[in-house]
Amino acid sequence: MKKRFLALLLAAVLPLSLTACGGNGNGAGSSDGASAEATTSKEELLEQAENITFTELLTALQENKLRAQETYVGNVYTYSECVTAIEEDYAELSGSIKVYLSKDDLMNLNVDERITVVGTIDSLDLTETSETINGFEFSSTAPAVEMKPAYYVDNRFEVTGPIEMRYMKLVELSGSVVDQIGLESAWLFEMSSDMGMVNLEEAIPVEHHVGQNIISLPIDGQEVANGDKITISCQLIDDSASLNRGTYESRARQHEYRAADVKLVRIDQKAAA
């Protein structure tokens, strides 16, 4: 009688135990699934990100590819360069950097503009390409990088350098000065910076006369003199970035930009009188 009672008791308890286990299993599965699908936010990535450059990646790969992969893969970085191509699920930045962005981010990008992104380096390798131009073959070595997850951060940059505004002296091989009348291309209005040369002609229209240099001009209410070292905030476009997509090693180190939407941040140093 006692054995029969125990058997009936076990029979009643067993389904409840199985149900409880089944319920816990489903809950754990849902939690794991949610964790697997969850992505790190842009703000979280920016908090832990370090900045990295084309030159740093290329040098590390050329010195020791295995060590470079161990150092960078899986870590979070910000990277700033020009957009050379926009594909269905990623944008390529100069230096063969594929950045996997959301559709909304990709829709708002423009080829040749410089942008900043943040993301995790998912893969890292060296790529070598060659291109024949006018019968000459040019080769290039660049980091082949994939960043995912990744986010678009910004397309504005602070650029610091001396400002130059003058007419260039166009000189023939004989040494005689070429007549500048009507040669608008002779007008030079730019800044030299660690990012490269920045042309300001389109961003800051200046009324000038052929052959007559300008001593100073107002920018955002401040008088800026020729030769002053200034800092501006602007958008940067390298119109040849996408054209040099295949051989971009040197271009990624020294751009020639045109500026857009320029704002004067400060005058760092006045030119010597």
Protein backbone atom coordinates (compact mmCIF):
# COMPACT_ATOMS: atom_id res chain seq x y z
CA MET A 1 0.00 0.00 0.00
CA LYS A 2 2.87 2.33 0.88
CA LYS A 3 4.68 1.55 -2.42
CA ARG A 4 1.48 2.18 -4.40
CA PHE A 5 1.02 5.58 -2.68
CA LEU A 6 4.61 6.61 -3.52
CA ALA A 7 4.14 5.57 -7.16
CA LEU A 8 0.98 7.66 -7.45
CA LEU A 9 2.72 10.64 -5.82
CA LEU A 10 5.67 10.47 -8.25
CA ALA A 11 3.30 10.19 -11.20
CA ALA A 12 1.55 13.39 -10.12
CA VAL A 13 4.75 15.36 -9.46
CA LEU A 14 6.70 14.36 -12.63
CA PRO A 15 4.53 16.28 -15.19
CA LEU A 16 4.78 19.41 -13.04
CA SER A 17 8.58 19.10 -12.94
CA LEU A 18 8.77 18.61 -16.72
CA THR A 19 6.50 21.61 -17.29
CA ALA A 20 8.62 23.76 -15.01
CA CYS A 21 11.81 22.66 -16.77
CA GLY A 22 10.27 23.26 -20.15
CA GLY A 23 9.18 26.75 -19.11
CA ASN A 24 12.66 27.62 -17.84
CA GLY A 25 14.24 26.29 -21.02
CA ASN A 26 12.04 28.43 -23.25
CA GLY A 27 12.73 31.52 -21.17
CA ALA A 28 16.48 30.99 -21.29
CA GLY A 29 16.28 30.46 -25.04
CA SER A 30 14.40 33.71 -25.55
CA SER A 31 16.89 35.58 -23.40
CA ASP A 32 19.86 34.15 -25.29
CA GLY A 33 18.22 34.96 -28.61
CA ALA A 34 17.59 38.56 -27.59
CA SER A 35 21.18 38.93 -26.43
CA ALA A 36 22.49 37.51 -29.69
CA GLU A 37 20.36 39.85 -31.77
CA ALA A 38 21.04 42.94 -29.67
CA THR A 39 23.59 45.34 -31.19
CA THR A 40 25.81 47.83 -29.47
CA SER A 41 24.59 51.41 -29.88
CA LYS A 42 26.62 54.17 -31.53
CA GLU A 43 26.95 55.98 -28.21
CA GLU A 44 28.35 52.87 -26.52
CA LEU A 45 30.86 52.34 -29.34
CA LEU A 46 31.99 55.97 -29.22
CA GLU A 47 32.64 55.69 -25.48
CA GLN A 48 35.16 52.89 -26.00
CA ALA A 49 36.52 53.83 -29.43
CA GLU A 50 40.06 54.91 -30.24
CA ASN A 51 40.93 56.79 -33.40
CA ILE A 52 42.85 54.99 -36.12
CA THR A 53 44.33 56.17 -39.42
CA PHE A 54 45.05 54.70 -42.82
CA THR A 55 48.80 55.07 -42.27
CA GLU A 56 48.67 53.32 -38.88
CA LEU A 57 46.80 50.32 -40.28
CA LEU A 58 49.01 50.05 -43.37
CA THR A 59 52.25 50.29 -41.38
CA ALA A 60 51.09 47.67 -38.87
CA LEU A 61 50.10 45.24 -41.63
CA GLN A 62 53.34 45.70 -43.53
CA GLU A 63 55.44 45.16 -40.40
CA ASN A 64 53.64 42.02 -39.18
CA LYS A 65 50.24 41.05 -40.54
CA LEU A 66 49.52 38.42 -37.87
CA ARG A 67 50.34 40.83 -35.05
CA ALA A 68 48.22 43.54 -36.66
CA GLN A 69 45.24 41.21 -36.88
CA GLU A 70 45.64 40.20 -33.23
CA THR A 71 45.93 43.86 -32.22
CA TYR A 72 43.03 45.42 -34.14
CA VAL A 73 40.42 42.76 -34.95
CA GLY A 74 37.56 42.81 -32.45
CA ASN A 75 38.34 46.29 -31.15
CA VAL A 76 36.38 49.52 -31.68
CA TYR A 77 37.76 52.50 -33.62
CA THR A 78 36.75 55.75 -35.24
CA TYR A 79 38.01 56.23 -38.79
CA SER A 80 37.84 59.32 -41.00
CA GLU A 81 38.30 59.18 -44.75
CA CYS A 82 36.61 59.88 -48.09
CA VAL A 83 33.73 57.78 -49.41
CA THR A 84 34.90 56.05 -52.59
CA ALA A 85 31.85 53.85 -53.23
CA ILE A 86 28.36 53.26 -51.83
CA GLU A 87 27.02 49.71 -52.15
CA GLU A 88 23.78 48.05 -51.04
CA ASP A 89 24.88 47.32 -47.47
CA TYR A 90 28.18 49.10 -47.00
CA ALA A 91 30.21 52.17 -47.92
CA GLU A 92 33.82 51.92 -48.96
CA LEU A 93 36.21 54.53 -47.60
CA SER A 94 39.60 55.31 -49.09
CA GLY A 95 42.09 52.68 -48.09
CA SER A 96 39.74 49.74 -48.93
CA ILE A 97 37.78 50.16 -45.70
CA LYS A 98 34.31 48.59 -45.97
CA VAL A 99 31.95 50.03 -43.38
CA TYR A 100 28.62 48.22 -42.94
CA LEU A 101 26.05 50.92 -42.17
CA SER A 102 22.27 51.13 -41.89
CA LYS A 103 20.27 51.84 -45.02
CA ASP A 104 19.36 55.31 -43.71
CA ASP A 105 23.02 56.17 -43.18
CA LEU A 106 23.97 54.90 -46.63
CA MET A 107 21.18 56.89 -48.27
CA ASN A 108 22.55 60.13 -46.80
CA LEU A 109 26.17 59.67 -47.93
CA ASN A 110 27.83 61.28 -50.94
CA VAL A 111 30.75 59.86 -52.88
CA ASP A 112 34.02 61.83 -52.41
CA GLU A 113 32.97 63.47 -49.11
CA ARG A 114 35.08 62.89 -46.03
CA ILE A 115 33.19 61.32 -43.12
CA THR A 116 33.86 59.84 -39.70
CA VAL A 117 32.52 56.41 -38.74
CA VAL A 118 32.76 54.28 -35.63
CA GLY A 119 32.71 50.50 -35.56
CA THR A 120 34.33 47.21 -34.67
CA ILE A 121 37.05 45.88 -36.98
CA ASP A 122 35.69 42.50 -38.02
CA SER A 123 38.46 41.53 -40.46
CA LEU A 124 41.85 42.93 -41.47
CA ASP A 125 44.21 42.06 -44.31
CA LEU A 126 46.43 43.57 -47.01
CA THR A 127 45.20 44.11 -50.55
CA GLU A 128 47.30 44.90 -53.60
CA THR A 129 45.85 46.44 -56.75
CA SER A 130 47.28 47.76 -60.00
CA GLU A 131 46.00 50.14 -62.64
CA THR A 132 47.33 51.08 -66.09
CA ILE A 133 47.16 54.78 -66.96
CA ASN A 134 48.54 56.04 -70.27
CA GLY A 135 50.60 52.89 -70.67
CA PHE A 136 52.12 53.07 -67.19
CA GLU A 137 51.20 50.55 -64.51
CA PHE A 138 50.62 51.86 -61.01
CA SER A 139 50.40 49.49 -58.04
CA SER A 140 49.01 50.18 -54.60
CA THR A 141 48.96 48.41 -51.25
CA ALA A 142 46.22 49.19 -48.77
CA PRO A 143 44.55 47.69 -45.70
CA ALA A 144 41.49 45.61 -46.55
CA VAL A 145 39.23 46.21 -43.56
CA GLU A 146 35.63 45.38 -42.70
CA MET A 147 33.96 47.28 -39.86
CA LYS A 148 30.74 45.86 -38.42
CA PRO A 149 28.72 46.80 -36.56
CA ALA A 150 29.42 50.38 -37.59
CA TYR A 151 27.73 53.77 -37.54
CA TYR A 152 28.05 57.08 -39.36
CA VAL A 153 29.23 59.80 -36.96
CA ASP A 154 29.74 63.11 -38.78
CA ASN A 155 30.91 64.88 -41.94
CA ARG A 156 32.28 68.06 -40.37
CA PHE A 157 35.92 68.61 -39.50
CA GLU A 158 38.08 71.24 -37.88
CA VAL A 159 40.97 72.23 -40.12
CA THR A 160 43.89 74.35 -38.93
CA GLY A 161 46.50 76.06 -41.09
CA PRO A 162 47.70 79.28 -42.71
CA ILE A 163 45.31 80.92 -45.15
CA GLU A 164 46.61 82.07 -48.53
CA MET A 165 44.75 84.36 -50.93
CA ARG A 166 46.57 85.75 -53.94
CA TYR A 167 47.00 85.61 -57.67
CA MET A 168 49.56 83.08 -58.84
CA LYS A 169 52.25 84.32 -61.18
CA LEU A 170 51.84 82.25 -64.32
CA VAL A 171 55.29 81.96 -65.83
CA GLU A 172 56.22 80.53 -69.21
CA LEU A 173 59.23 78.30 -69.69
CA SER A 174 61.08 81.34 -71.03
CA GLY A 175 60.58 83.06 -67.69
CA SER A 176 58.21 85.75 -68.92
CA VAL A 177 54.99 86.31 -66.99
CA VAL A 178 51.84 85.19 -68.82
CA ASP A 179 49.07 87.78 -69.22
CA GLN A 180 46.58 87.04 -66.39
CA ILE A 181 43.63 88.98 -67.82
CA GLY A 182 40.59 86.71 -67.73
CA LEU A 183 42.45 83.81 -66.12
CA GLU A 184 40.12 83.19 -63.16
CA SER A 185 41.94 79.92 -62.45
CA ALA A 186 44.96 81.99 -61.43
CA TRP A 187 43.16 83.04 -58.23
CA LEU A 188 44.48 81.08 -55.26
CA PHE A 189 42.43 80.91 -52.04
CA GLU A 190 43.31 77.93 -49.84
CA MET A 191 44.70 76.54 -46.61
CA SER A 192 47.45 74.00 -46.06
CA SER A 193 46.79 71.57 -43.21
CA ASP A 194 47.76 68.16 -41.91
CA MET A 195 44.72 66.78 -43.79
CA GLY A 196 45.95 68.20 -47.09
CA MET A 197 45.28 71.31 -49.12
CA VAL A 198 41.82 72.85 -48.63
CA ASN A 199 40.43 75.08 -51.38
CA LEU A 200 38.12 77.81 -50.06
CA GLU A 201 37.18 79.51 -53.32
CA GLU A 202 33.69 78.03 -53.65
CA ALA A 203 32.90 78.11 -49.93
CA ILE A 204 33.82 81.76 -49.36
CA PRO A 205 33.05 83.90 -52.42
CA VAL A 206 35.47 86.81 -52.67
CA GLU A 207 35.18 89.84 -54.92
CA HIS A 208 38.61 90.24 -56.42
CA HIS A 209 40.28 91.82 -59.43
CA VAL A 210 42.65 90.02 -61.73
CA GLY A 211 46.24 90.48 -60.67
CA GLN A 212 45.42 92.36 -57.47
CA ASN A 213 46.16 90.52 -54.26
CA ILE A 214 43.89 90.83 -51.21
CA ILE A 215 45.39 91.78 -47.86
CA SER A 216 42.45 90.67 -45.70
CA LEU A 217 38.76 89.77 -45.79
CA PRO A 218 35.96 89.19 -43.26
CA ILE A 219 35.00 85.60 -42.36
CA ASP A 220 32.05 85.24 -39.97
CA GLY A 221 32.49 88.82 -38.81
CA GLN A 222 36.23 88.58 -38.10
CA GLU A 223 38.90 90.14 -40.29
CA VAL A 224 41.32 87.48 -41.49
CA ALA A 225 44.59 88.57 -43.06
CA ASN A 226 46.59 86.81 -45.72
CA GLY A 227 48.95 84.39 -43.95
CA ASP A 228 46.98 84.14 -40.69
CA LYS A 229 46.88 80.70 -39.12
CA ILE A 230 43.22 79.92 -38.55
CA THR A 231 40.91 77.05 -37.60
CA ILE A 232 37.71 76.47 -39.54
CA SER A 233 34.87 73.98 -39.24
CA CYS A 234 33.72 72.65 -42.60
CA GLN A 235 32.78 69.77 -44.84
CA LEU A 236 35.57 68.35 -47.01
CA ILE A 237 35.23 66.92 -50.52
CA ASP A 238 38.01 65.34 -52.58
CA ASP A 239 36.57 65.15 -56.09
CA SER A 240 39.19 62.61 -57.19
CA ALA A 241 38.72 60.18 -54.27
CA SER A 242 36.40 57.79 -56.11
CA LEU A 243 38.40 58.10 -59.34
CA ASN A 244 41.50 56.88 -57.51
CA ARG A 245 39.65 54.09 -55.72
CA GLY A 246 41.91 51.38 -57.16
CA THR A 247 45.22 53.07 -56.33
CA TYR A 248 44.60 55.09 -53.21
CA GLU A 249 47.65 54.54 -51.03
CA SER A 250 49.17 57.98 -51.56
CA ARG A 251 45.82 59.79 -51.93
CA ALA A 252 44.72 58.64 -48.50
CA ARG A 253 47.78 60.32 -47.05
CA GLN A 254 47.58 63.63 -48.92
CA HIS A 255 44.22 64.91 -50.14
CA GLU A 256 43.33 68.00 -52.09
CA TYR A 257 39.95 69.09 -50.76
CA ARG A 258 37.42 71.73 -51.55
CA ALA A 259 35.63 73.05 -48.49
CA ALA A 260 31.87 73.52 -48.04
CA ASP A 261 29.77 75.21 -45.34
CA VAL A 262 32.77 76.95 -43.75
CA LYS A 263 32.56 78.44 -40.24
CA LEU A 264 35.47 80.29 -38.64
CA VAL A 265 36.33 78.74 -35.28
CA ARG A 266 39.24 80.99 -34.27
CA ILE A 267 42.29 82.87 -35.44
CA ASP A 268 45.21 80.92 -33.97
CA GLN A 269 48.09 83.18 -34.97
CA LYS A 270 48.29 86.47 -36.82
CA ALA A 271 50.64 86.70 -39.77
CA ALA A 272 53.90 88.53 -39.27
CA ALA A 273 53.59 92.15 -40.32
